[in-house]
């Protein structure tokens, strides 16, 4: 189905995404869903076709395409396997955050792997107490020298056990500061002190979602995204 927004580029990308979704994803969906297996080879194949965050700058693995392309890709991929739609969705969402607010060398390192389909980066805002209320976060993030120390829990985080890093929003100010005391940071998920759990669910068992716990996790200060207190 085409829309009034479609031009030659969108039509071409839609056809590529549609072909990949129907020929490579659809038939294996139930097997992956029942087993809880996320096929990284298929993710790399998606990346090789340019189906992950093509709107990013070329320095970060994109082609500088218009944003609508990612919307079309997500739509077509989700028709065959909702789980794999998270790759372009998270790639675009986190891609804009990292491209605009991370140090260039850190953004390039992570985003080139994301757009190639080599790795996933999750995003962690939701908490058990306040849901997705960004002004009411309980996860603590305190600066100690050249590091930030993270303590607390994020919950209902998609891809929490298969992502290699997570864009995380945490409180660096006082609780009464509300949104003005929140900072954002990229946290590699192989750091000491991180543990995860996976929730039972229907339809999202392959990519998975669950909690991430941070127990005195030390993150280098250069992974801060933007300015402290302005996350």
C-alpha atoms as a PDB file:
ATOM      1  CA  UNK A   1       0.000   0.000   0.000  1.00  0.00           C
ATOM      2  CA  UNK A   2       1.335   3.405  -0.980  1.00  0.00           C
ATOM      3  CA  UNK A   3       0.546   6.736   0.670  1.00  0.00           C
ATOM      4  CA  UNK A   4       0.410  10.367  -0.422  1.00  0.00           C
ATOM      5  CA  UNK A   5       3.888  10.774   1.094  1.00  0.00           C
ATOM      6  CA  UNK A   6       5.504   8.124  -1.099  1.00  0.00           C
ATOM      7  CA  UNK A   7       8.005   9.180  -3.724  1.00  0.00           C
ATOM      8  CA  UNK A   8      10.430   7.042  -5.727  1.00  0.00           C
ATOM      9  CA  UNK A   9      12.839   6.686  -2.784  1.00  0.00           C
ATOM     10  CA  UNK A  10      10.131   5.656  -0.333  1.00  0.00           C
ATOM     11  CA  UNK A  11       8.598   3.214  -2.792  1.00  0.00           C
ATOM     12  CA  UNK A  12      11.980   1.603  -3.426  1.00  0.00           C
ATOM     13  CA  UNK A  13      12.777   1.297   0.287  1.00  0.00           C
ATOM     14  CA  UNK A  14       9.293  -0.031   1.026  1.00  0.00           C
ATOM     15  CA  UNK A  15       9.755  -2.747  -1.596  1.00  0.00           C
ATOM     16  CA  UNK A  16      13.171  -3.761  -0.199  1.00  0.00           C
ATOM     17  CA  UNK A  17      11.811  -3.892   3.365  1.00  0.00           C
ATOM     18  CA  UNK A  18       8.687  -5.737   2.261  1.00  0.00           C
ATOM     19  CA  UNK A  19      10.685  -8.353   0.357  1.00  0.00           C
ATOM     20  CA  UNK A  20      13.048  -8.938   3.284  1.00  0.00           C
ATOM     21  CA  UNK A  21      10.162  -9.122   5.746  1.00  0.00           C
ATOM     22  CA  UNK A  22       8.120 -11.615   3.771  1.00  0.00           C
ATOM     23  CA  UNK A  23      10.950 -13.782   2.426  1.00  0.00           C
ATOM     24  CA  UNK A  24      13.318 -13.793   5.415  1.00  0.00           C
ATOM     25  CA  UNK A  25      11.293 -13.017   8.550  1.00  0.00           C
ATOM     26  CA  UNK A  26       7.694 -14.142   8.231  1.00  0.00           C
ATOM     27  CA  UNK A  27       8.148 -17.907   7.979  1.00  0.00           C
ATOM     28  CA  UNK A  28      10.411 -18.171  11.028  1.00  0.00           C
ATOM     29  CA  UNK A  29       8.455 -15.840  13.287  1.00  0.00           C
ATOM     30  CA  UNK A  30       6.633 -18.467  15.350  1.00  0.00           C
ATOM     31  CA  UNK A  31       9.752 -20.590  15.832  1.00  0.00           C
ATOM     32  CA  UNK A  32      11.711 -17.589  17.113  1.00  0.00           C
ATOM     33  CA  UNK A  33       8.796 -16.430  19.248  1.00  0.00           C
ATOM     34  CA  UNK A  34       8.308 -19.787  20.952  1.00  0.00           C
ATOM     35  CA  UNK A  35      12.017 -20.315  21.579  1.00  0.00           C
ATOM     36  CA  UNK A  36      12.767 -16.725  22.587  1.00  0.00           C
ATOM     37  CA  UNK A  37      15.620 -16.636  20.071  1.00  0.00           C
ATOM     38  CA  UNK A  38      16.663 -13.409  18.339  1.00  0.00           C
ATOM     39  CA  UNK A  39      18.593 -14.194  15.148  1.00  0.00           C
ATOM     40  CA  UNK A  40      21.559 -11.817  14.878  1.00  0.00           C
ATOM     41  CA  UNK A  41      22.369 -13.103  11.384  1.00  0.00           C
ATOM     42  CA  UNK A  42      19.017 -11.766  10.201  1.00  0.00           C
ATOM     43  CA  UNK A  43      19.764  -8.477  11.936  1.00  0.00           C
ATOM     44  CA  UNK A  44      23.076  -8.200  10.085  1.00  0.00           C
ATOM     45  CA  UNK A  45      21.231  -8.941   6.863  1.00  0.00           C
ATOM     46  CA  UNK A  46      18.877  -6.066   7.627  1.00  0.00           C
ATOM     47  CA  UNK A  47      21.868  -3.830   8.170  1.00  0.00           C
ATOM     48  CA  UNK A  48      23.478  -4.839   4.890  1.00  0.00           C
ATOM     49  CA  UNK A  49      20.274  -3.812   3.089  1.00  0.00           C
ATOM     50  CA  UNK A  50      20.355  -0.351   4.668  1.00  0.00           C
ATOM     51  CA  UNK A  51      17.193  -0.973   6.695  1.00  0.00           C
ATOM     52  CA  UNK A  52      18.429   0.411  10.026  1.00  0.00           C
ATOM     53  CA  UNK A  53      18.392   4.192  10.595  1.00  0.00           C
ATOM     54  CA  UNK A  54      19.188   5.336   7.025  1.00  0.00           C
ATOM     55  CA  UNK A  55      18.437   8.924   8.088  1.00  0.00           C
ATOM     56  CA  UNK A  56      21.663   9.134  10.107  1.00  0.00           C
ATOM     57  CA  UNK A  57      24.652  10.967   8.681  1.00  0.00           C
ATOM     58  CA  UNK A  58      27.114   8.970   6.608  1.00  0.00           C
ATOM     59  CA  UNK A  59      29.743   9.297   9.356  1.00  0.00           C
ATOM     60  CA  UNK A  60      27.465   7.222  11.572  1.00  0.00           C
ATOM     61  CA  UNK A  61      26.518   4.566   9.034  1.00  0.00           C
ATOM     62  CA  UNK A  62      23.449   6.177   7.476  1.00  0.00           C
ATOM     63  CA  UNK A  63      22.919   7.853   4.113  1.00  0.00           C
ATOM     64  CA  UNK A  64      21.309  11.096   5.286  1.00  0.00           C
ATOM     65  CA  UNK A  65      17.876   9.964   4.086  1.00  0.00           C
ATOM     66  CA  UNK A  66      14.629  11.596   5.136  1.00  0.00           C
ATOM     67  CA  UNK A  67      12.997  10.394   8.328  1.00  0.00           C
ATOM     68  CA  UNK A  68       9.959   8.947   6.570  1.00  0.00           C
ATOM     69  CA  UNK A  69      12.109   6.119   5.241  1.00  0.00           C
ATOM     70  CA  UNK A  70      12.538   4.704   8.725  1.00  0.00           C
ATOM     71  CA  UNK A  71       8.798   4.873   9.316  1.00  0.00           C
ATOM     72  CA  UNK A  72       8.182   2.879   6.154  1.00  0.00           C
ATOM     73  CA  UNK A  73      10.833   0.314   7.129  1.00  0.00           C
ATOM     74  CA  UNK A  74       9.398  -0.158  10.628  1.00  0.00           C
ATOM     75  CA  UNK A  75       5.892  -0.566   9.212  1.00  0.00           C
ATOM     76  CA  UNK A  76       6.871  -3.253   6.710  1.00  0.00           C
ATOM     77  CA  UNK A  77       9.163  -5.195   9.052  1.00  0.00           C
ATOM     78  CA  UNK A  78       6.534  -5.227  11.821  1.00  0.00           C
ATOM     79  CA  UNK A  79       4.011  -6.873   9.505  1.00  0.00           C
ATOM     80  CA  UNK A  80       6.219  -9.978   9.398  1.00  0.00           C
ATOM     81  CA  UNK A  81       7.910  -9.942  12.820  1.00  0.00           C
ATOM     82  CA  UNK A  82       7.152  -7.290  15.424  1.00  0.00           C
ATOM     83  CA  UNK A  83      10.412  -8.156  17.224  1.00  0.00           C
ATOM     84  CA  UNK A  84      12.654  -7.164  14.336  1.00  0.00           C
ATOM     85  CA  UNK A  85      10.864  -3.830  13.978  1.00  0.00           C
ATOM     86  CA  UNK A  86      12.663  -2.858  17.179  1.00  0.00           C
ATOM     87  CA  UNK A  87      15.967  -2.752  15.290  1.00  0.00           C
ATOM     88  CA  UNK A  88      15.069   0.200  13.032  1.00  0.00           C
ATOM     89  CA  UNK A  89      12.925   1.771  15.771  1.00  0.00           C
ATOM     90  CA  UNK A  90      15.695   1.748  18.388  1.00  0.00           C
ATOM     91  CA  UNK A  91      18.287   2.510  15.738  1.00  0.00           C
ATOM     92  CA  UNK A  92      16.488   5.698  14.735  1.00  0.00           C
ATOM     93  CA  UNK A  93      15.495   6.774  18.251  1.00  0.00           C
ATOM     94  CA  UNK A  94      18.883   6.193  19.842  1.00  0.00           C
ATOM     95  CA  UNK A  95      20.622   7.202  16.657  1.00  0.00           C
ATOM     96  CA  UNK A  96      19.297  10.751  16.918  1.00  0.00           C
ATOM     97  CA  UNK A  97      20.238  10.938  20.591  1.00  0.00           C
ATOM     98  CA  UNK A  98      23.787   9.695  20.058  1.00  0.00           C
ATOM     99  CA  UNK A  99      24.350  11.610  16.828  1.00  0.00           C
ATOM    100  CA  UNK A 100      23.364  14.883  18.464  1.00  0.00           C
ATOM    101  CA  UNK A 101      24.511  14.513  22.072  1.00  0.00           C
ATOM    102  CA  UNK A 102      27.282  11.904  22.358  1.00  0.00           C
ATOM    103  CA  UNK A 103      30.950  12.605  21.803  1.00  0.00           C
ATOM    104  CA  UNK A 104      31.565  12.123  18.049  1.00  0.00           C
ATOM    105  CA  UNK A 105      33.992   9.242  18.518  1.00  0.00           C
ATOM    106  CA  UNK A 106      31.571   7.405  20.816  1.00  0.00           C
ATOM    107  CA  UNK A 107      28.618   8.043  18.513  1.00  0.00           C
ATOM    108  CA  UNK A 108      30.550   6.764  15.504  1.00  0.00           C
ATOM    109  CA  UNK A 109      31.762   3.650  17.290  1.00  0.00           C
ATOM    110  CA  UNK A 110      28.306   2.572  18.428  1.00  0.00           C
ATOM    111  CA  UNK A 111      26.142   3.794  15.563  1.00  0.00           C
ATOM    112  CA  UNK A 112      28.222   2.216  12.815  1.00  0.00           C
ATOM    113  CA  UNK A 113      27.663  -1.127  14.553  1.00  0.00           C
ATOM    114  CA  UNK A 114      23.958  -0.412  15.012  1.00  0.00           C
ATOM    115  CA  UNK A 115      23.326   0.518  11.368  1.00  0.00           C
ATOM    116  CA  UNK A 116      25.314  -2.525  10.230  1.00  0.00           C
ATOM    117  CA  UNK A 117      23.059  -4.753  12.314  1.00  0.00           C
ATOM    118  CA  UNK A 118      25.960  -5.943  14.420  1.00  0.00           C
ATOM    119  CA  UNK A 119      24.558  -4.704  17.731  1.00  0.00           C
ATOM    120  CA  UNK A 120      21.434  -3.311  19.376  1.00  0.00           C
ATOM    121  CA  UNK A 121      21.305  -0.340  21.738  1.00  0.00           C
ATOM    122  CA  UNK A 122      18.294  -0.223  24.075  1.00  0.00           C
ATOM    123  CA  UNK A 123      16.741   2.797  25.781  1.00  0.00           C
ATOM    124  CA  UNK A 124      15.842   2.944  29.487  1.00  0.00           C
ATOM    125  CA  UNK A 125      13.423   5.543  30.803  1.00  0.00           C
ATOM    126  CA  UNK A 126      10.634   3.509  32.460  1.00  0.00           C
ATOM    127  CA  UNK A 127      10.758   2.701  36.175  1.00  0.00           C
ATOM    128  CA  UNK A 128       8.523   0.638  38.443  1.00  0.00           C
ATOM    129  CA  UNK A 129       7.505   3.609  40.588  1.00  0.00           C
ATOM    130  CA  UNK A 130       6.848   6.343  38.056  1.00  0.00           C
ATOM    131  CA  UNK A 131       6.397   4.587  34.732  1.00  0.00           C
ATOM    132  CA  UNK A 132       7.738   6.762  31.910  1.00  0.00           C
ATOM    133  CA  UNK A 133       7.401  10.024  33.840  1.00  0.00           C
ATOM    134  CA  UNK A 134      10.775  11.559  33.008  1.00  0.00           C
ATOM    135  CA  UNK A 135      10.436  14.120  35.795  1.00  0.00           C
ATOM    136  CA  UNK A 136       9.947  11.465  38.472  1.00  0.00           C
ATOM    137  CA  UNK A 137      12.986   9.214  38.079  1.00  0.00           C
ATOM    138  CA  UNK A 138      14.492   7.274  40.968  1.00  0.00           C
ATOM    139  CA  UNK A 139      17.592   5.809  39.289  1.00  0.00           C
ATOM    140  CA  UNK A 140      20.556   7.618  40.846  1.00  0.00           C
ATOM    141  CA  UNK A 141      23.587   8.822  38.927  1.00  0.00           C
ATOM    142  CA  UNK A 142      26.356  10.491  40.942  1.00  0.00           C
ATOM    143  CA  UNK A 143      29.653  11.837  39.715  1.00  0.00           C
ATOM    144  CA  UNK A 144      32.842  10.526  41.301  1.00  0.00           C
ATOM    145  CA  UNK A 145      35.947  11.883  39.604  1.00  0.00           C
ATOM    146  CA  UNK A 146      36.032  10.722  35.988  1.00  0.00           C
ATOM    147  CA  UNK A 147      33.084   8.362  36.392  1.00  0.00           C
ATOM    148  CA  UNK A 148      29.384   8.339  37.134  1.00  0.00           C
ATOM    149  CA  UNK A 149      28.118   5.749  39.616  1.00  0.00           C
ATOM    150  CA  UNK A 150      24.669   4.356  38.779  1.00  0.00           C
ATOM    151  CA  UNK A 151      22.285   2.733  41.281  1.00  0.00           C
ATOM    152  CA  UNK A 152      18.701   1.580  40.895  1.00  0.00           C
ATOM    153  CA  UNK A 153      16.367  -0.194  38.491  1.00  0.00           C
ATOM    154  CA  UNK A 154      14.823   0.359  35.085  1.00  0.00           C
ATOM    155  CA  UNK A 155      11.917  -1.832  34.049  1.00  0.00           C
ATOM    156  CA  UNK A 156       9.959  -2.908  30.971  1.00  0.00           C
ATOM    157  CA  UNK A 157      13.026  -2.275  28.806  1.00  0.00           C
ATOM    158  CA  UNK A 158      12.822  -3.841  25.352  1.00  0.00           C
ATOM    159  CA  UNK A 159      15.864  -5.836  24.173  1.00  0.00           C
ATOM    160  CA  UNK A 160      17.338  -5.590  27.669  1.00  0.00           C
ATOM    161  CA  UNK A 161      19.099  -8.958  27.442  1.00  0.00           C
ATOM    162  CA  UNK A 162      20.336  -8.787  23.848  1.00  0.00           C
ATOM    163  CA  UNK A 163      21.394  -5.135  23.584  1.00  0.00           C
ATOM    164  CA  UNK A 164      25.057  -4.292  24.098  1.00  0.00           C
ATOM    165  CA  UNK A 165      24.406  -0.835  25.554  1.00  0.00           C
ATOM    166  CA  UNK A 166      21.510   1.246  26.806  1.00  0.00           C
ATOM    167  CA  UNK A 167      20.730   4.959  26.600  1.00  0.00           C
ATOM    168  CA  UNK A 168      19.716   5.614  30.203  1.00  0.00           C
ATOM    169  CA  UNK A 169      17.981   8.519  31.924  1.00  0.00           C
ATOM    170  CA  UNK A 170      18.815   8.979  35.605  1.00  0.00           C
ATOM    171  CA  UNK A 171      18.548  11.525  38.399  1.00  0.00           C
ATOM    172  CA  UNK A 172      21.645  13.602  39.068  1.00  0.00           C
ATOM    173  CA  UNK A 173      19.868  16.391  40.929  1.00  0.00           C
ATOM    174  CA  UNK A 174      17.500  16.452  43.885  1.00  0.00           C
ATOM    175  CA  UNK A 175      14.038  14.860  43.536  1.00  0.00           C
ATOM    176  CA  UNK A 176      12.418  18.287  43.841  1.00  0.00           C
ATOM    177  CA  UNK A 177      14.344  19.403  40.736  1.00  0.00           C
ATOM    178  CA  UNK A 178      11.990  17.198  38.707  1.00  0.00           C
ATOM    179  CA  UNK A 179      12.938  17.244  35.000  1.00  0.00           C
ATOM    180  CA  UNK A 180      15.752  19.734  35.610  1.00  0.00           C
ATOM    181  CA  UNK A 181      17.729  17.183  37.619  1.00  0.00           C
ATOM    182  CA  UNK A 182      17.789  14.425  34.985  1.00  0.00           C
ATOM    183  CA  UNK A 183      20.816  13.385  32.936  1.00  0.00           C
ATOM    184  CA  UNK A 184      21.270  10.952  30.051  1.00  0.00           C
ATOM    185  CA  UNK A 185      24.163   8.549  29.632  1.00  0.00           C
ATOM    186  CA  UNK A 186      25.126   5.644  27.381  1.00  0.00           C
ATOM    187  CA  UNK A 187      25.884   2.568  29.484  1.00  0.00           C
ATOM    188  CA  UNK A 188      27.632  -0.494  28.016  1.00  0.00           C
ATOM    189  CA  UNK A 189      25.764  -3.493  29.397  1.00  0.00           C
ATOM    190  CA  UNK A 190      28.866  -5.582  30.050  1.00  0.00           C
ATOM    191  CA  UNK A 191      29.996  -3.360  32.932  1.00  0.00           C
ATOM    192  CA  UNK A 192      30.293  -4.927  36.415  1.00  0.00           C
ATOM    193  CA  UNK A 193      27.236  -4.503  38.633  1.00  0.00           C
ATOM    194  CA  UNK A 194      24.588  -4.878  35.915  1.00  0.00           C
ATOM    195  CA  UNK A 195      21.977  -7.642  36.034  1.00  0.00           C
ATOM    196  CA  UNK A 196      18.789  -8.236  34.045  1.00  0.00           C
ATOM    197  CA  UNK A 197      15.534 -10.189  34.082  1.00  0.00           C
ATOM    198  CA  UNK A 198      13.161 -11.146  31.286  1.00  0.00           C
ATOM    199  CA  UNK A 199       9.380 -10.848  31.559  1.00  0.00           C
ATOM    200  CA  UNK A 200       6.928 -13.389  30.184  1.00  0.00           C
ATOM    201  CA  UNK A 201       5.054 -11.874  27.263  1.00  0.00           C
ATOM    202  CA  UNK A 202       3.143 -12.653  24.106  1.00  0.00           C
ATOM    203  CA  UNK A 203       4.440 -11.526  20.741  1.00  0.00           C
ATOM    204  CA  UNK A 204       7.691 -10.008  21.995  1.00  0.00           C
ATOM    205  CA  UNK A 205       9.452 -13.085  23.345  1.00  0.00           C
ATOM    206  CA  UNK A 206      12.222 -12.992  20.762  1.00  0.00           C
ATOM    207  CA  UNK A 207      13.515  -9.469  21.376  1.00  0.00           C
ATOM    208  CA  UNK A 208      12.316  -9.675  24.986  1.00  0.00           C
ATOM    209  CA  UNK A 209      11.813  -7.032  27.641  1.00  0.00           C
ATOM    210  CA  UNK A 210      12.374  -6.815  31.374  1.00  0.00           C
ATOM    211  CA  UNK A 211      14.291  -5.067  34.140  1.00  0.00           C
ATOM    212  CA  UNK A 212      17.869  -3.827  34.351  1.00  0.00           C
ATOM    213  CA  UNK A 213      19.463  -3.406  37.782  1.00  0.00           C
ATOM    214  CA  UNK A 214      22.464  -1.164  38.402  1.00  0.00           C
ATOM    215  CA  UNK A 215      24.493  -1.848  41.552  1.00  0.00           C
ATOM    216  CA  UNK A 216      27.298   0.721  41.915  1.00  0.00           C
ATOM    217  CA  UNK A 217      27.937   0.636  38.174  1.00  0.00           C
ATOM    218  CA  UNK A 218      30.856   2.893  37.214  1.00  0.00           C
ATOM    219  CA  UNK A 219      30.465   4.516  33.792  1.00  0.00           C
ATOM    220  CA  UNK A 220      33.220   6.715  32.318  1.00  0.00           C
ATOM    221  CA  UNK A 221      32.149  10.366  32.269  1.00  0.00           C
ATOM    222  CA  UNK A 222      32.754  10.619  28.517  1.00  0.00           C
ATOM    223  CA  UNK A 223      29.615   8.518  28.000  1.00  0.00           C
ATOM    224  CA  UNK A 224      27.441  11.390  29.275  1.00  0.00           C
ATOM    225  CA  UNK A 225      24.945  12.517  26.629  1.00  0.00           C
ATOM    226  CA  UNK A 226      24.601  16.271  26.443  1.00  0.00           C
ATOM    227  CA  UNK A 227      24.994  18.290  29.621  1.00  0.00           C
ATOM    228  CA  UNK A 228      24.595  17.020  33.158  1.00  0.00           C
ATOM    229  CA  UNK A 229      21.143  17.873  34.504  1.00  0.00           C
ATOM    230  CA  UNK A 230      19.726  18.519  31.020  1.00  0.00           C
ATOM    231  CA  UNK A 231      18.870  14.977  29.971  1.00  0.00           C
END
